[in-house]
PDB file of N, CA and C in Angstrom:
ATOM      1  N   MET A   1       0.850  -1.175   0.000  1.00  0.00           N
ATOM      2  CA  MET A   1       0.000   0.000   0.000  1.00  0.00           C
ATOM      3  C   MET A   1       0.890   1.231   0.000  1.00  0.00           C
ATOM      4  N   ARG A   2       0.611   2.141  -0.918  1.00  0.00           N
ATOM      5  CA  ARG A   2       1.333   3.415  -0.945  1.00  0.00           C
ATOM      6  C   ARG A   2       0.429   4.489  -0.349  1.00  0.00           C
ATOM      7  N   LEU A   3       1.028   5.357   0.477  1.00  0.00           N
ATOM      8  CA  LEU A   3       0.276   6.418   1.125  1.00  0.00           C
ATOM      9  C   LEU A   3       0.778   7.783   0.684  1.00  0.00           C
ATOM     10  N   GLY A   4      -0.162   8.676   0.443  1.00  0.00           N
ATOM     11  CA  GLY A   4       0.130  10.088   0.245  1.00  0.00           C
ATOM     12  C   GLY A   4      -0.512  10.845   1.396  1.00  0.00           C
ATOM     13  N   TYR A   5      -0.039  12.033   1.665  1.00  0.00           N
ATOM     14  CA  TYR A   5      -0.540  12.805   2.806  1.00  0.00           C
ATOM     15  C   TYR A   5      -0.844  14.236   2.384  1.00  0.00           C
ATOM     16  N   HIS A   6      -2.018  14.736   2.781  1.00  0.00           N
ATOM     17  CA  HIS A   6      -2.292  16.160   2.655  1.00  0.00           C
ATOM     18  C   HIS A   6      -1.438  16.882   3.700  1.00  0.00           C
ATOM     19  N   GLY A   7      -1.157  18.148   3.468  1.00  0.00           N
ATOM     20  CA  GLY A   7      -0.395  18.936   4.443  1.00  0.00           C
ATOM     21  C   GLY A   7      -1.060  18.942   5.806  1.00  0.00           C
ATOM     22  N   HIS A   8      -2.395  18.992   5.812  1.00  0.00           N
ATOM     23  CA  HIS A   8      -3.147  18.988   7.070  1.00  0.00           C
ATOM     24  C   HIS A   8      -2.839  17.731   7.885  1.00  0.00           C
ATOM     25  N   ALA A   9      -2.750  16.594   7.206  1.00  0.00           N
ATOM     26  CA  ALA A   9      -2.465  15.337   7.906  1.00  0.00           C
ATOM     27  C   ALA A   9      -1.095  15.401   8.576  1.00  0.00           C
ATOM     28  N   TYR A  10      -0.087  15.913   7.872  1.00  0.00           N
ATOM     29  CA  TYR A  10       1.252  16.023   8.466  1.00  0.00           C
ATOM     30  C   TYR A  10       1.252  16.977   9.661  1.00  0.00           C
ATOM     31  N   GLU A  11       0.488  18.057   9.560  1.00  0.00           N
ATOM     32  CA  GLU A  11       0.398  18.990  10.689  1.00  0.00           C
ATOM     33  C   GLU A  11      -0.180  18.294  11.911  1.00  0.00           C
ATOM     34  N   ARG A  12      -1.246  17.554  11.729  1.00  0.00           N
ATOM     35  CA  ARG A  12      -1.887  16.851  12.844  1.00  0.00           C
ATOM     36  C   ARG A  12      -0.975  15.754  13.401  1.00  0.00           C
ATOM     37  N   MET A  13      -0.266  15.063  12.518  1.00  0.00           N
ATOM     38  CA  MET A  13       0.651  14.021  12.977  1.00  0.00           C
ATOM     39  C   MET A  13       1.729  14.619  13.868  1.00  0.00           C
ATOM     40  N   THR A  14       2.273  15.758  13.465  1.00  0.00           N
ATOM     41  CA  THR A  14       3.309  16.424  14.260  1.00  0.00           C
ATOM     42  C   THR A  14       2.750  16.868  15.602  1.00  0.00           C
ATOM     43  N   GLU A  15       1.570  17.485  15.596  1.00  0.00           N
ATOM     44  CA  GLU A  15       0.934  17.957  16.834  1.00  0.00           C
ATOM     45  C   GLU A  15       0.657  16.815  17.803  1.00  0.00           C
ATOM     46  N   ARG A  16       0.283  15.667  17.271  1.00  0.00           N
ATOM     47  CA  ARG A  16      -0.237  14.578  18.097  1.00  0.00           C
ATOM     48  C   ARG A  16       0.745  13.427  18.296  1.00  0.00           C
ATOM     49  N   GLY A  17       1.959  13.568  17.797  1.00  0.00           N
ATOM     50  CA  GLY A  17       2.965  12.528  17.980  1.00  0.00           C
ATOM     51  C   GLY A  17       2.628  11.233  17.262  1.00  0.00           C
ATOM     52  N   ILE A  18       2.053  11.352  16.081  1.00  0.00           N
ATOM     53  CA  ILE A  18       1.663  10.190  15.274  1.00  0.00           C
ATOM     54  C   ILE A  18       2.687  10.018  14.155  1.00  0.00           C
ATOM     55  N   THR A  19       3.160   8.792  13.967  1.00  0.00           N
ATOM     56  CA  THR A  19       4.153   8.523  12.932  1.00  0.00           C
ATOM     57  C   THR A  19       3.493   7.917  11.695  1.00  0.00           C
ATOM     58  N   GLU A  20       4.246   7.894  10.594  1.00  0.00           N
ATOM     59  CA  GLU A  20       3.750   7.216   9.389  1.00  0.00           C
ATOM     60  C   GLU A  20       3.553   5.731   9.671  1.00  0.00           C
ATOM     61  N   GLY A  21       4.391   5.161  10.520  1.00  0.00           N
ATOM     62  CA  GLY A  21       4.226   3.764  10.914  1.00  0.00           C
ATOM     63  C   GLY A  21       2.911   3.525  11.642  1.00  0.00           C
ATOM     64  N   ASP A  22       2.528   4.473  12.517  1.00  0.00           N
ATOM     65  CA  ASP A  22       1.236   4.377  13.205  1.00  0.00           C
ATOM     66  C   ASP A  22       0.094   4.354  12.200  1.00  0.00           C
ATOM     67  N   VAL A  23       0.155   5.262  11.222  1.00  0.00           N
ATOM     68  CA  VAL A  23      -0.903   5.374  10.220  1.00  0.00           C
ATOM     69  C   VAL A  23      -0.988   4.090   9.394  1.00  0.00           C
ATOM     70  N   LEU A  24       0.152   3.607   8.939  1.00  0.00           N
ATOM     71  CA  LEU A  24       0.160   2.393   8.128  1.00  0.00           C
ATOM     72  C   LEU A  24      -0.387   1.206   8.916  1.00  0.00           C
ATOM     73  N   ASN A  25       0.032   1.060  10.163  1.00  0.00           N
ATOM     74  CA  ASN A  25      -0.444  -0.046  10.991  1.00  0.00           C
ATOM     75  C   ASN A  25      -1.960   0.031  11.182  1.00  0.00           C
ATOM     76  N   ALA A  26      -2.475   1.240  11.424  1.00  0.00           N
ATOM     77  CA  ALA A  26      -3.915   1.406  11.603  1.00  0.00           C
ATOM     78  C   ALA A  26      -4.677   1.027  10.338  1.00  0.00           C
ATOM     79  N   LEU A  27      -4.149   1.400   9.174  1.00  0.00           N
ATOM     80  CA  LEU A  27      -4.842   1.091   7.919  1.00  0.00           C
ATOM     81  C   LEU A  27      -4.745  -0.393   7.554  1.00  0.00           C
ATOM     82  N   LEU A  28      -3.654  -1.027   7.896  1.00  0.00           N
ATOM     83  CA  LEU A  28      -3.504  -2.455   7.593  1.00  0.00           C
ATOM     84  C   LEU A  28      -4.296  -3.345   8.544  1.00  0.00           C
ATOM     85  N   ASN A  29      -4.576  -2.833   9.738  1.00  0.00           N
ATOM     86  CA  ASN A  29      -5.229  -3.641  10.775  1.00  0.00           C
ATOM     87  C   ASN A  29      -6.505  -3.002  11.311  1.00  0.00           C
ATOM     88  N   TYR A  30      -7.185  -2.231  10.486  1.00  0.00           N
ATOM     89  CA  TYR A  30      -8.355  -1.495  10.969  1.00  0.00           C
ATOM     90  C   TYR A  30      -9.475  -2.443  11.412  1.00  0.00           C
ATOM     91  N   THR A  31     -10.264  -1.943  12.366  1.00  0.00           N
ATOM     92  CA  THR A  31     -11.414  -2.692  12.857  1.00  0.00           C
ATOM     93  C   THR A  31     -12.730  -2.019  12.486  1.00  0.00           C
ATOM     94  N   GLU A  32     -12.629  -0.807  11.966  1.00  0.00           N
ATOM     95  CA  GLU A  32     -13.829  -0.066  11.587  1.00  0.00           C
ATOM     96  C   GLU A  32     -13.515   0.819  10.392  1.00  0.00           C
ATOM     97  N   ARG A  33     -14.454   0.888   9.436  1.00  0.00           N
ATOM     98  CA  ARG A  33     -14.338   1.806   8.299  1.00  0.00           C
ATOM     99  C   ARG A  33     -15.716   2.394   8.065  1.00  0.00           C
ATOM    100  N   LEU A  34     -15.788   3.718   8.141  1.00  0.00           N
ATOM    101  CA  LEU A  34     -17.052   4.422   7.968  1.00  0.00           C
ATOM    102  C   LEU A  34     -16.934   5.442   6.847  1.00  0.00           C
ATOM    103  N   LEU A  35     -17.968   5.561   6.032  1.00  0.00           N
ATOM    104  CA  LEU A  35     -18.037   6.610   5.023  1.00  0.00           C
ATOM    105  C   LEU A  35     -18.469   7.891   5.715  1.00  0.00           C
ATOM    106  N   THR A  36     -17.735   8.982   5.483  1.00  0.00           N
ATOM    107  CA  THR A  36     -18.080  10.256   6.123  1.00  0.00           C
ATOM    108  C   THR A  36     -18.811  11.163   5.138  1.00  0.00           C
ATOM    109  N   PRO A  37     -19.484  12.193   5.642  1.00  0.00           N
ATOM    110  CA  PRO A  37     -20.167  13.132   4.748  1.00  0.00           C
ATOM    111  C   PRO A  37     -19.216  14.002   3.918  1.00  0.00           C
ATOM    112  N   LYS A  38     -17.925  13.966   4.235  1.00  0.00           N
ATOM    113  CA  LYS A  38     -16.951  14.829   3.542  1.00  0.00           C
ATOM    114  C   LYS A  38     -16.099  14.058   2.547  1.00  0.00           C
ATOM    115  N   ASN A  39     -16.697  13.107   1.834  1.00  0.00           N
ATOM    116  CA  ASN A  39     -16.009  12.351   0.782  1.00  0.00           C
ATOM    117  C   ASN A  39     -14.724  11.681   1.250  1.00  0.00           C
ATOM    118  N   SER A  40     -14.831  10.957   2.339  1.00  0.00           N
ATOM    119  CA  SER A  40     -13.683  10.205   2.820  1.00  0.00           C
ATOM    120  C   SER A  40     -14.171   8.985   3.594  1.00  0.00           C
ATOM    121  N   TYR A  41     -13.239   8.089   3.853  1.00  0.00           N
ATOM    122  CA  TYR A  41     -13.475   6.995   4.784  1.00  0.00           C
ATOM    123  C   TYR A  41     -12.732   7.333   6.060  1.00  0.00           C
ATOM    124  N   ARG A  42     -13.347   7.010   7.201  1.00  0.00           N
ATOM    125  CA  ARG A  42     -12.632   7.118   8.467  1.00  0.00           C
ATOM    126  C   ARG A  42     -12.348   5.702   8.949  1.00  0.00           C
ATOM    127  N   TYR A  43     -11.076   5.372   9.006  1.00  0.00           N
ATOM    128  CA  TYR A  43     -10.639   4.076   9.505  1.00  0.00           C
ATOM    129  C   TYR A  43     -10.269   4.227  10.976  1.00  0.00           C
ATOM    130  N   THR A  44     -10.534   3.196  11.761  1.00  0.00           N
ATOM    131  CA  THR A  44     -10.072   3.147  13.144  1.00  0.00           C
ATOM    132  C   THR A  44      -9.286   1.849  13.309  1.00  0.00           C
ATOM    133  N   GLY A  45      -8.067   1.997  13.773  1.00  0.00           N
ATOM    134  CA  GLY A  45      -7.203   0.831  13.956  1.00  0.00           C
ATOM    135  C   GLY A  45      -6.093   1.158  14.929  1.00  0.00           C
ATOM    136  N   PRO A  46      -5.268   0.178  15.243  1.00  0.00           N
ATOM    137  CA  PRO A  46      -4.216   0.385  16.234  1.00  0.00           C
ATOM    138  C   PRO A  46      -2.989   1.090  15.664  1.00  0.00           C
ATOM    139  N   GLY A  47      -2.456   2.027  16.448  1.00  0.00           N
ATOM    140  CA  GLY A  47      -1.134   2.560  16.152  1.00  0.00           C
ATOM    141  C   GLY A  47      -0.106   1.511  16.545  1.00  0.00           C
ATOM    142  N   LEU A  48       1.152   1.815  16.377  1.00  0.00           N
ATOM    143  CA  LEU A  48       2.205   0.846  16.692  1.00  0.00           C
ATOM    144  C   LEU A  48       2.244   0.475  18.172  1.00  0.00           C
ATOM    145  N   ASP A  49       1.805   1.400  19.042  1.00  0.00           N
ATOM    146  CA  ASP A  49       1.821   1.117  20.485  1.00  0.00           C
ATOM    147  C   ASP A  49       0.504   0.524  20.974  1.00  0.00           C
ATOM    148  N   GLY A  50      -0.440   0.267  20.048  1.00  0.00           N
ATOM    149  CA  GLY A  50      -1.721  -0.329  20.423  1.00  0.00           C
ATOM    150  C   GLY A  50      -2.831   0.674  20.670  1.00  0.00           C
ATOM    151  N   ARG A  51      -2.477   1.965  20.826  1.00  0.00           N
ATOM    152  CA  ARG A  51      -3.528   2.974  20.993  1.00  0.00           C
ATOM    153  C   ARG A  51      -4.380   3.034  19.734  1.00  0.00           C
ATOM    154  N   ARG A  52      -5.658   3.339  19.880  1.00  0.00           N
ATOM    155  CA  ARG A  52      -6.581   3.410  18.767  1.00  0.00           C
ATOM    156  C   ARG A  52      -6.376   4.716  18.013  1.00  0.00           C
ATOM    157  N   LEU A  53      -6.274   4.629  16.705  1.00  0.00           N
ATOM    158  CA  LEU A  53      -6.013   5.773  15.839  1.00  0.00           C
ATOM    159  C   LEU A  53      -7.130   5.901  14.811  1.00  0.00           C
ATOM    160  N   LYS A  54      -7.592   7.126  14.600  1.00  0.00           N
ATOM    161  CA  LYS A  54      -8.565   7.412  13.547  1.00  0.00           C
ATOM    162  C   LYS A  54      -7.806   8.036  12.375  1.00  0.00           C
ATOM    163  N   VAL A  55      -8.063   7.513  11.174  1.00  0.00           N
ATOM    164  CA  VAL A  55      -7.382   7.989   9.971  1.00  0.00           C
ATOM    165  C   VAL A  55      -8.432   8.284   8.911  1.00  0.00           C
ATOM    166  N   TRP A  56      -8.470   9.531   8.431  1.00  0.00           N
ATOM    167  CA  TRP A  56      -9.392   9.919   7.372  1.00  0.00           C
ATOM    168  C   TRP A  56      -8.665   9.836   6.043  1.00  0.00           C
ATOM    169  N   VAL A  57      -9.250   9.098   5.110  1.00  0.00           N
ATOM    170  CA  VAL A  57      -8.630   8.833   3.817  1.00  0.00           C
ATOM    171  C   VAL A  57      -9.571   9.301   2.720  1.00  0.00           C
ATOM    172  N   LYS A  58      -9.010  10.010   1.745  1.00  0.00           N
ATOM    173  CA  LYS A  58      -9.783  10.490   0.596  1.00  0.00           C
ATOM    174  C   LYS A  58     -10.397   9.312  -0.144  1.00  0.00           C
ATOM    175  N   LEU A  59     -11.648   9.461  -0.589  1.00  0.00           N
ATOM    176  CA  LEU A  59     -12.273   8.414  -1.392  1.00  0.00           C
ATOM    177  C   LEU A  59     -11.456   8.198  -2.655  1.00  0.00           C
ATOM    178  N   PRO A  60     -11.337   6.945  -3.091  1.00  0.00           N
ATOM    179  CA  PRO A  60     -10.570   6.687  -4.314  1.00  0.00           C
ATOM    180  C   PRO A  60     -11.274   7.267  -5.528  1.00  0.00           C
ATOM    181  N   ASP A  61     -10.486   7.594  -6.546  1.00  0.00           N
ATOM    182  CA  ASP A  61     -11.056   8.061  -7.808  1.00  0.00           C
ATOM    183  C   ASP A  61     -11.687   6.872  -8.521  1.00  0.00           C
ATOM    184  N   THR A  62     -11.993   7.004  -9.764  1.00  0.00           N
ATOM    185  CA  THR A  62     -12.722   5.970 -10.484  1.00  0.00           C
ATOM    186  C   THR A  62     -11.998   4.636 -10.557  1.00  0.00           C
ATOM    187  N   ASN A  63     -10.685   4.624 -10.481  1.00  0.00           N
ATOM    188  CA  ASN A  63      -9.922   3.368 -10.497  1.00  0.00           C
ATOM    189  C   ASN A  63      -9.295   3.141  -9.130  1.00  0.00           C
ATOM    190  N   PRO A  64     -10.038   2.524  -8.208  1.00  0.00           N
ATOM    191  CA  PRO A  64      -9.469   2.311  -6.871  1.00  0.00           C
ATOM    192  C   PRO A  64      -8.235   1.411  -6.944  1.00  0.00           C
ATOM    193  N   SER A  65      -7.289   1.684  -6.081  1.00  0.00           N
ATOM    194  CA  SER A  65      -6.071   0.881  -6.005  1.00  0.00           C
ATOM    195  C   SER A  65      -5.654   0.793  -4.551  1.00  0.00           C
ATOM    196  N   ASP A  66      -4.461   0.292  -4.327  1.00  0.00           N
ATOM    197  CA  ASP A  66      -3.938   0.237  -2.962  1.00  0.00           C
ATOM    198  C   ASP A  66      -3.419   1.591  -2.502  1.00  0.00           C
ATOM    199  N   ASP A  67      -3.360   2.584  -3.408  1.00  0.00           N
ATOM    200  CA  ASP A  67      -2.894   3.915  -3.035  1.00  0.00           C
ATOM    201  C   ASP A  67      -3.970   4.613  -2.206  1.00  0.00           C
ATOM    202  N   LYS A  68      -3.542   5.287  -1.145  1.00  0.00           N
ATOM    203  CA  LYS A  68      -4.470   6.027  -0.299  1.00  0.00           C
ATOM    204  C   LYS A  68      -3.883   7.406  -0.026  1.00  0.00           C
ATOM    205  N   VAL A  69      -4.768   8.413   0.055  1.00  0.00           N
ATOM    206  CA  VAL A  69      -4.357   9.767   0.408  1.00  0.00           C
ATOM    207  C   VAL A  69      -4.971  10.096   1.765  1.00  0.00           C
ATOM    208  N   VAL A  70      -4.112  10.291   2.767  1.00  0.00           N
ATOM    209  CA  VAL A  70      -4.534  10.560   4.126  1.00  0.00           C
ATOM    210  C   VAL A  70      -4.858  12.040   4.266  1.00  0.00           C
ATOM    211  N   LYS A  71      -6.079  12.324   4.740  1.00  0.00           N
ATOM    212  CA  LYS A  71      -6.524  13.705   4.918  1.00  0.00           C
ATOM    213  C   LYS A  71      -6.250  14.231   6.324  1.00  0.00           C
ATOM    214  N   SER A  72      -6.445  13.370   7.338  1.00  0.00           N
ATOM    215  CA  SER A  72      -6.233  13.783   8.716  1.00  0.00           C
ATOM    216  C   SER A  72      -6.087  12.554   9.601  1.00  0.00           C
ATOM    217  N   VAL A  73      -5.572  12.756  10.800  1.00  0.00           N
ATOM    218  CA  VAL A  73      -5.392  11.674  11.769  1.00  0.00           C
ATOM    219  C   VAL A  73      -5.605  12.198  13.171  1.00  0.00           C
ATOM    220  N   ALA A  74      -6.048  11.329  14.076  1.00  0.00           N
ATOM    221  CA  ALA A  74      -6.216  11.701  15.490  1.00  0.00           C
ATOM    222  C   ALA A  74      -6.252  10.437  16.321  1.00  0.00           C
ATOM    223  N   TRP A  75      -5.722  10.537  17.540  1.00  0.00           N
ATOM    224  CA  TRP A  75      -5.874   9.434  18.482  1.00  0.00           C
ATOM    225  C   TRP A  75      -7.331   9.378  18.897  1.00  0.00           C
ATOM    226  N   ARG A  76      -7.871   8.193  19.002  1.00  0.00           N
ATOM    227  CA  ARG A  76      -9.286   8.030  19.335  1.00  0.00           C
ATOM    228  C   ARG A  76      -9.581   8.508  20.745  1.00  0.00           C
ATOM    229  N   ASP A  77      -8.648   8.343  21.669  1.00  0.00           N
ATOM    230  CA  ASP A  77      -8.888   8.698  23.076  1.00  0.00           C
ATOM    231  C   ASP A  77      -8.578  10.161  23.390  1.00  0.00           C
ATOM    232  N   ALA A  78      -8.204  10.934  22.381  1.00  0.00           N
ATOM    233  CA  ALA A  78      -7.851  12.343  22.623  1.00  0.00           C
ATOM    234  C   ALA A  78      -9.061  13.248  22.515  1.00  0.00           C
TER     235      ALA A  78
END
């Protein structure tokens, strides 16, 4: 899986101490995926330390692939 990041996602990752490894782990091992009203999926899965992470991913274009564009991230318990 290849990941791209919006600038907003990197800002939130820096603020919240979230790594690219946390994001990848959450997306590979998610337990919940919800369609949001803002044209994205919100995945919930574990970060590398086991904490629950929410990851908002842009909806795929007409040809879905393993590529994902991360819009934002947040710890679930924050």
